[in-house]
Amino acid sequence: MTESNNTKPEIDAPTGPAPAELEITDITVGDGAEAKASSTVDVHYLGVEYDSGEEFDSSWSRAQSINFPLRQLIAGWQVGIPGMKVGGRRKLVIPPAQAYGPAGGGHPLSGKTLIFVIDLLGVS
């Protein structure tokens, strides 16, 4: 996994079964403002499927960060981002219950465990 917040991260293929609980790993600890549950965050992120390692979304691929109110995101982000500080890079491994729900839920990623690497660029 790459550790520079200035470049698109690479995610090593996971081994073993997908975790049943949300996993939060700080790759780089930031030193700026701290994200809160009520924050709107400015992030760069990469998302891949746990089982296949296939990228399904990336702000890096669009060459533009994204602003999101945390309250409008999947539960894994709502739990996994608060406490993160601007300048940090964090990896979240999110089980289906905290992502897009069980298989057959109507979303293409329903039933899938997801891995995100998130660079926190700003909070408001």
N, C-alpha and C. Protein backbone atom coordinates (compact mmCIF):
# COMPACT_ATOMS: atom_id res chain seq x y z
N MET A 1 0.85 -1.18 0.00
CA MET A 1 0.00 0.00 0.00
C MET A 1 0.89 1.24 0.00
N THR A 2 0.54 2.19 -0.83
CA THR A 2 1.32 3.42 -0.87
C THR A 2 0.98 4.29 0.32
N GLU A 3 1.93 5.14 0.71
CA GLU A 3 1.73 5.94 1.91
C GLU A 3 1.76 7.44 1.67
N SER A 4 1.86 7.86 0.41
CA SER A 4 1.90 9.29 0.12
C SER A 4 0.49 9.82 -0.11
N ASN A 5 0.15 10.92 0.55
CA ASN A 5 -1.17 11.49 0.37
C ASN A 5 -1.27 12.32 -0.90
N ASN A 6 -0.18 12.40 -1.67
CA ASN A 6 -0.21 13.17 -2.90
C ASN A 6 -0.44 12.31 -4.13
N THR A 7 -0.52 11.01 -3.95
CA THR A 7 -0.69 10.11 -5.07
C THR A 7 -1.82 9.12 -4.79
N LYS A 8 -2.38 8.60 -5.88
CA LYS A 8 -3.44 7.59 -5.74
C LYS A 8 -2.87 6.37 -5.01
N PRO A 9 -3.57 5.93 -3.98
CA PRO A 9 -3.07 4.76 -3.25
C PRO A 9 -3.20 3.48 -4.07
N GLU A 10 -2.41 2.51 -3.71
CA GLU A 10 -2.55 1.16 -4.24
C GLU A 10 -2.91 0.28 -3.07
N ILE A 11 -3.86 -0.61 -3.28
CA ILE A 11 -4.31 -1.50 -2.22
C ILE A 11 -3.84 -2.90 -2.52
N ASP A 12 -3.06 -3.48 -1.62
CA ASP A 12 -2.61 -4.85 -1.78
C ASP A 12 -3.80 -5.78 -1.66
N ALA A 13 -3.76 -6.86 -2.43
CA ALA A 13 -4.84 -7.84 -2.39
C ALA A 13 -4.94 -8.44 -0.98
N PRO A 14 -6.13 -8.39 -0.40
CA PRO A 14 -6.28 -8.96 0.95
C PRO A 14 -6.20 -10.49 0.90
N THR A 15 -5.82 -11.05 2.03
CA THR A 15 -5.79 -12.50 2.15
C THR A 15 -6.75 -12.91 3.26
N GLY A 16 -7.28 -14.11 3.14
CA GLY A 16 -8.18 -14.61 4.16
C GLY A 16 -9.59 -14.09 3.98
N PRO A 17 -10.47 -14.52 4.86
CA PRO A 17 -11.87 -14.13 4.74
C PRO A 17 -12.06 -12.65 5.07
N ALA A 18 -13.10 -12.08 4.50
CA ALA A 18 -13.44 -10.68 4.78
C ALA A 18 -13.84 -10.55 6.25
N PRO A 19 -13.49 -9.44 6.88
CA PRO A 19 -13.86 -9.26 8.29
C PRO A 19 -15.36 -9.06 8.45
N ALA A 20 -15.87 -9.46 9.60
CA ALA A 20 -17.29 -9.30 9.90
C ALA A 20 -17.58 -7.93 10.48
N GLU A 21 -16.54 -7.26 11.00
CA GLU A 21 -16.69 -5.95 11.63
C GLU A 21 -15.87 -4.92 10.87
N LEU A 22 -16.26 -3.66 10.99
CA LEU A 22 -15.53 -2.56 10.39
C LEU A 22 -14.09 -2.54 10.91
N GLU A 23 -13.13 -2.43 9.99
CA GLU A 23 -11.73 -2.30 10.36
C GLU A 23 -11.25 -0.91 9.96
N ILE A 24 -10.63 -0.20 10.90
CA ILE A 24 -10.14 1.16 10.69
C ILE A 24 -8.63 1.14 10.94
N THR A 25 -7.86 1.54 9.93
CA THR A 25 -6.40 1.55 10.04
C THR A 25 -5.88 2.90 9.56
N ASP A 26 -5.17 3.61 10.43
CA ASP A 26 -4.52 4.84 10.01
C ASP A 26 -3.22 4.50 9.31
N ILE A 27 -3.07 4.98 8.09
CA ILE A 27 -1.83 4.80 7.33
C ILE A 27 -0.92 5.99 7.62
N THR A 28 -1.50 7.17 7.60
CA THR A 28 -0.82 8.41 7.96
C THR A 28 -1.75 9.17 8.90
N VAL A 29 -1.25 9.60 10.04
CA VAL A 29 -2.04 10.38 10.98
C VAL A 29 -1.86 11.85 10.63
N GLY A 30 -2.97 12.53 10.38
CA GLY A 30 -2.91 13.95 10.05
C GLY A 30 -2.70 14.81 11.28
N ASP A 31 -2.44 16.09 11.04
CA ASP A 31 -2.24 17.01 12.14
C ASP A 31 -3.13 18.24 12.03
N GLY A 32 -4.13 18.17 11.16
CA GLY A 32 -5.04 19.30 10.97
C GLY A 32 -6.32 19.14 11.76
N ALA A 33 -7.36 19.83 11.30
CA ALA A 33 -8.67 19.79 11.96
C ALA A 33 -9.22 18.37 11.97
N GLU A 34 -9.96 18.04 13.01
CA GLU A 34 -10.50 16.70 13.19
C GLU A 34 -11.92 16.61 12.63
N ALA A 35 -12.18 15.55 11.89
CA ALA A 35 -13.52 15.29 11.37
C ALA A 35 -14.44 14.84 12.50
N LYS A 36 -15.65 15.36 12.49
CA LYS A 36 -16.68 14.96 13.45
C LYS A 36 -17.84 14.34 12.68
N ALA A 37 -18.73 13.67 13.38
CA ALA A 37 -19.87 13.02 12.73
C ALA A 37 -20.72 14.02 11.95
N SER A 38 -20.73 15.27 12.39
CA SER A 38 -21.54 16.29 11.74
C SER A 38 -20.79 17.04 10.63
N SER A 39 -19.54 16.65 10.36
CA SER A 39 -18.70 17.37 9.40
C SER A 39 -19.08 17.09 7.95
N THR A 40 -18.78 18.05 7.12
CA THR A 40 -18.68 17.83 5.68
C THR A 40 -17.20 17.67 5.41
N VAL A 41 -16.83 16.61 4.69
CA VAL A 41 -15.43 16.31 4.48
C VAL A 41 -15.06 16.48 3.01
N ASP A 42 -13.84 16.94 2.79
CA ASP A 42 -13.25 17.02 1.46
C ASP A 42 -12.22 15.90 1.41
N VAL A 43 -12.42 14.95 0.50
CA VAL A 43 -11.59 13.74 0.49
C VAL A 43 -11.16 13.37 -0.92
N HIS A 44 -10.05 12.67 -0.98
CA HIS A 44 -9.69 11.85 -2.13
C HIS A 44 -9.84 10.43 -1.62
N TYR A 45 -10.35 9.54 -2.46
CA TYR A 45 -10.54 8.16 -2.00
C TYR A 45 -10.42 7.18 -3.15
N LEU A 46 -10.13 5.96 -2.79
CA LEU A 46 -10.10 4.83 -3.70
C LEU A 46 -10.93 3.73 -3.06
N GLY A 47 -11.83 3.13 -3.83
CA GLY A 47 -12.64 2.02 -3.33
C GLY A 47 -12.45 0.79 -4.18
N VAL A 48 -12.21 -0.35 -3.52
CA VAL A 48 -12.09 -1.63 -4.22
C VAL A 48 -12.94 -2.68 -3.50
N GLU A 49 -13.34 -3.70 -4.26
CA GLU A 49 -14.05 -4.83 -3.68
C GLU A 49 -13.05 -5.74 -2.97
N TYR A 50 -13.40 -6.20 -1.78
CA TYR A 50 -12.52 -7.06 -0.99
C TYR A 50 -12.20 -8.35 -1.73
N ASP A 51 -13.23 -9.03 -2.25
CA ASP A 51 -13.02 -10.35 -2.83
C ASP A 51 -12.25 -10.32 -4.14
N SER A 52 -12.54 -9.36 -5.01
CA SER A 52 -11.92 -9.33 -6.33
C SER A 52 -10.73 -8.38 -6.42
N GLY A 53 -10.67 -7.40 -5.53
CA GLY A 53 -9.63 -6.38 -5.63
C GLY A 53 -9.90 -5.37 -6.72
N GLU A 54 -11.07 -5.47 -7.37
CA GLU A 54 -11.43 -4.58 -8.47
C GLU A 54 -11.79 -3.20 -7.95
N GLU A 55 -11.24 -2.18 -8.57
CA GLU A 55 -11.60 -0.80 -8.24
C GLU A 55 -13.02 -0.54 -8.75
N PHE A 56 -13.87 0.02 -7.88
CA PHE A 56 -15.21 0.39 -8.31
C PHE A 56 -15.43 1.89 -8.32
N ASP A 57 -14.58 2.64 -7.63
CA ASP A 57 -14.72 4.09 -7.63
C ASP A 57 -13.43 4.71 -7.11
N SER A 58 -13.13 5.91 -7.64
CA SER A 58 -11.93 6.62 -7.19
C SER A 58 -12.03 8.08 -7.58
N SER A 59 -11.92 8.96 -6.59
CA SER A 59 -11.86 10.38 -6.90
C SER A 59 -10.54 10.69 -7.61
N TRP A 60 -9.50 9.89 -7.33
CA TRP A 60 -8.22 10.09 -8.00
C TRP A 60 -8.37 9.93 -9.51
N SER A 61 -9.19 8.97 -9.94
CA SER A 61 -9.38 8.73 -11.37
C SER A 61 -10.06 9.90 -12.05
N ARG A 62 -10.82 10.67 -11.28
CA ARG A 62 -11.49 11.85 -11.83
C ARG A 62 -10.64 13.11 -11.64
N ALA A 63 -9.50 12.96 -10.96
CA ALA A 63 -8.57 14.06 -10.71
C ALA A 63 -9.23 15.21 -9.98
N GLN A 64 -10.20 14.88 -9.12
CA GLN A 64 -10.88 15.91 -8.35
C GLN A 64 -11.36 15.32 -7.03
N SER A 65 -11.04 16.03 -5.93
CA SER A 65 -11.54 15.58 -4.63
C SER A 65 -13.05 15.78 -4.57
N ILE A 66 -13.66 15.19 -3.57
CA ILE A 66 -15.12 15.22 -3.42
C ILE A 66 -15.46 15.75 -2.03
N ASN A 67 -16.51 16.56 -1.95
CA ASN A 67 -17.04 17.03 -0.67
C ASN A 67 -18.31 16.25 -0.36
N PHE A 68 -18.39 15.68 0.84
CA PHE A 68 -19.55 14.92 1.28
C PHE A 68 -19.93 15.31 2.70
N PRO A 69 -21.20 15.54 3.00
CA PRO A 69 -21.61 15.54 4.41
C PRO A 69 -21.55 14.09 4.90
N LEU A 70 -20.83 13.82 5.98
CA LEU A 70 -20.70 12.45 6.47
C LEU A 70 -22.04 11.78 6.72
N ARG A 71 -23.02 12.56 7.16
CA ARG A 71 -24.33 11.98 7.48
C ARG A 71 -25.02 11.36 6.26
N GLN A 72 -24.57 11.70 5.05
CA GLN A 72 -25.21 11.20 3.84
C GLN A 72 -24.49 9.99 3.25
N LEU A 73 -23.44 9.53 3.92
CA LEU A 73 -22.63 8.44 3.38
C LEU A 73 -22.98 7.10 4.03
N ILE A 74 -22.40 6.05 3.48
CA ILE A 74 -22.64 4.71 4.05
C ILE A 74 -22.16 4.69 5.50
N ALA A 75 -22.74 3.80 6.28
CA ALA A 75 -22.46 3.73 7.72
C ALA A 75 -20.97 3.55 8.01
N GLY A 76 -20.27 2.77 7.20
CA GLY A 76 -18.85 2.55 7.43
C GLY A 76 -18.04 3.84 7.41
N TRP A 77 -18.43 4.78 6.55
CA TRP A 77 -17.76 6.08 6.53
C TRP A 77 -18.21 6.92 7.72
N GLN A 78 -19.50 6.85 8.06
CA GLN A 78 -20.01 7.63 9.19
C GLN A 78 -19.33 7.25 10.49
N VAL A 79 -18.94 5.99 10.63
CA VAL A 79 -18.26 5.51 11.83
C VAL A 79 -16.74 5.63 11.67
N GLY A 80 -16.25 5.40 10.47
CA GLY A 80 -14.81 5.29 10.25
C GLY A 80 -14.06 6.59 10.04
N ILE A 81 -14.74 7.68 9.69
CA ILE A 81 -14.05 8.95 9.43
C ILE A 81 -13.95 9.85 10.66
N PRO A 82 -14.98 9.97 11.50
CA PRO A 82 -14.84 10.85 12.67
C PRO A 82 -13.59 10.49 13.49
N GLY A 83 -12.90 11.52 13.92
CA GLY A 83 -11.65 11.34 14.65
C GLY A 83 -10.43 11.44 13.76
N MET A 84 -10.62 11.29 12.46
CA MET A 84 -9.53 11.44 11.51
C MET A 84 -9.19 12.92 11.39
N LYS A 85 -7.91 13.23 11.20
CA LYS A 85 -7.47 14.62 11.09
C LYS A 85 -7.01 14.94 9.66
N VAL A 86 -7.24 16.20 9.27
CA VAL A 86 -6.82 16.66 7.95
C VAL A 86 -5.34 16.36 7.76
N GLY A 87 -5.01 15.85 6.59
CA GLY A 87 -3.64 15.43 6.29
C GLY A 87 -3.44 13.95 6.48
N GLY A 88 -4.45 13.27 7.04
CA GLY A 88 -4.35 11.84 7.29
C GLY A 88 -4.81 11.00 6.11
N ARG A 89 -4.33 9.76 6.11
CA ARG A 89 -4.78 8.74 5.15
C ARG A 89 -5.22 7.55 5.99
N ARG A 90 -6.42 7.06 5.73
CA ARG A 90 -7.01 5.98 6.53
C ARG A 90 -7.58 4.92 5.60
N LYS A 91 -7.42 3.67 6.02
CA LYS A 91 -8.02 2.54 5.30
C LYS A 91 -9.21 2.03 6.10
N LEU A 92 -10.33 1.87 5.42
CA LEU A 92 -11.53 1.28 6.01
C LEU A 92 -11.86 0.00 5.27
N VAL A 93 -12.07 -1.09 6.00
CA VAL A 93 -12.58 -2.33 5.43
C VAL A 93 -14.00 -2.46 5.98
N ILE A 94 -14.97 -2.36 5.07
CA ILE A 94 -16.36 -2.20 5.47
C ILE A 94 -17.19 -3.41 5.06
N PRO A 95 -17.75 -4.14 6.04
CA PRO A 95 -18.60 -5.28 5.71
C PRO A 95 -19.93 -4.81 5.10
N PRO A 96 -20.63 -5.70 4.41
CA PRO A 96 -21.86 -5.31 3.73
C PRO A 96 -22.88 -4.58 4.60
N ALA A 97 -23.01 -4.99 5.87
CA ALA A 97 -24.02 -4.37 6.74
C ALA A 97 -23.76 -2.88 6.95
N GLN A 98 -22.50 -2.44 6.80
CA GLN A 98 -22.18 -1.02 6.96
C GLN A 98 -21.84 -0.36 5.63
N ALA A 99 -22.08 -1.10 4.53
CA ALA A 99 -21.84 -0.55 3.20
C ALA A 99 -23.18 -0.42 2.48
N TYR A 100 -23.45 -1.36 1.56
CA TYR A 100 -24.69 -1.26 0.78
C TYR A 100 -25.67 -2.38 1.07
N GLY A 101 -25.52 -3.02 2.24
CA GLY A 101 -26.48 -4.02 2.68
C GLY A 101 -26.22 -5.39 2.08
N PRO A 102 -27.12 -6.34 2.41
CA PRO A 102 -26.94 -7.72 1.97
C PRO A 102 -27.13 -7.87 0.46
N ALA A 103 -26.63 -8.98 -0.06
CA ALA A 103 -26.80 -9.29 -1.48
C ALA A 103 -28.28 -9.22 -1.84
N GLY A 104 -28.54 -8.75 -3.04
CA GLY A 104 -29.92 -8.62 -3.50
C GLY A 104 -30.56 -7.32 -3.06
N GLY A 105 -29.78 -6.41 -2.49
CA GLY A 105 -30.33 -5.16 -1.98
C GLY A 105 -30.60 -4.10 -3.02
N GLY A 106 -30.32 -4.39 -4.28
CA GLY A 106 -30.64 -3.44 -5.34
C GLY A 106 -29.48 -2.55 -5.76
N HIS A 107 -28.40 -2.50 -5.01
CA HIS A 107 -27.22 -1.72 -5.38
C HIS A 107 -26.19 -2.69 -5.95
N PRO A 108 -25.43 -2.30 -6.97
CA PRO A 108 -24.43 -3.22 -7.54
C PRO A 108 -23.41 -3.72 -6.52
N LEU A 109 -23.20 -2.98 -5.42
CA LEU A 109 -22.24 -3.40 -4.41
C LEU A 109 -22.89 -4.05 -3.19
N SER A 110 -24.19 -4.29 -3.26
CA SER A 110 -24.88 -5.00 -2.16
C SER A 110 -24.23 -6.36 -1.95
N GLY A 111 -24.04 -6.73 -0.68
CA GLY A 111 -23.49 -8.03 -0.34
C GLY A 111 -21.97 -8.09 -0.40
N LYS A 112 -21.33 -6.98 -0.72
CA LYS A 112 -19.88 -6.98 -0.86
C LYS A 112 -19.18 -6.24 0.28
N THR A 113 -18.04 -6.79 0.70
CA THR A 113 -17.17 -6.10 1.63
C THR A 113 -16.30 -5.16 0.79
N LEU A 114 -16.17 -3.93 1.25
CA LEU A 114 -15.47 -2.90 0.49
C LEU A 114 -14.25 -2.40 1.25
N ILE A 115 -13.22 -2.03 0.50
CA ILE A 115 -12.02 -1.42 1.07
C ILE A 115 -11.90 -0.02 0.49
N PHE A 116 -11.76 0.96 1.37
CA PHE A 116 -11.52 2.34 0.94
C PHE A 116 -10.22 2.82 1.55
N VAL A 117 -9.45 3.57 0.77
CA VAL A 117 -8.34 4.35 1.30
C VAL A 117 -8.73 5.80 1.09
N ILE A 118 -8.76 6.56 2.18
CA ILE A 118 -9.30 7.91 2.18
C ILE A 118 -8.24 8.89 2.66
N ASP A 119 -8.03 9.94 1.88
CA ASP A 119 -7.17 11.05 2.28
C ASP A 119 -8.09 12.19 2.69
N LEU A 120 -7.97 12.64 3.92
CA LEU A 120 -8.80 13.75 4.41
C LEU A 120 -8.09 15.05 4.10
N LEU A 121 -8.69 15.84 3.20
CA LEU A 121 -8.10 17.09 2.74
C LEU A 121 -8.64 18.30 3.49
N GLY A 122 -9.89 18.20 3.98
CA GLY A 122 -10.47 19.32 4.70
C GLY A 122 -11.76 18.92 5.39
N VAL A 123 -12.17 19.70 6.38
CA VAL A 123 -13.43 19.48 7.09
C VAL A 123 -14.12 20.84 7.29
N SER A 124 -15.44 20.80 7.29
CA SER A 124 -16.20 22.02 7.61
C SER A 124 -17.46 21.62 8.33
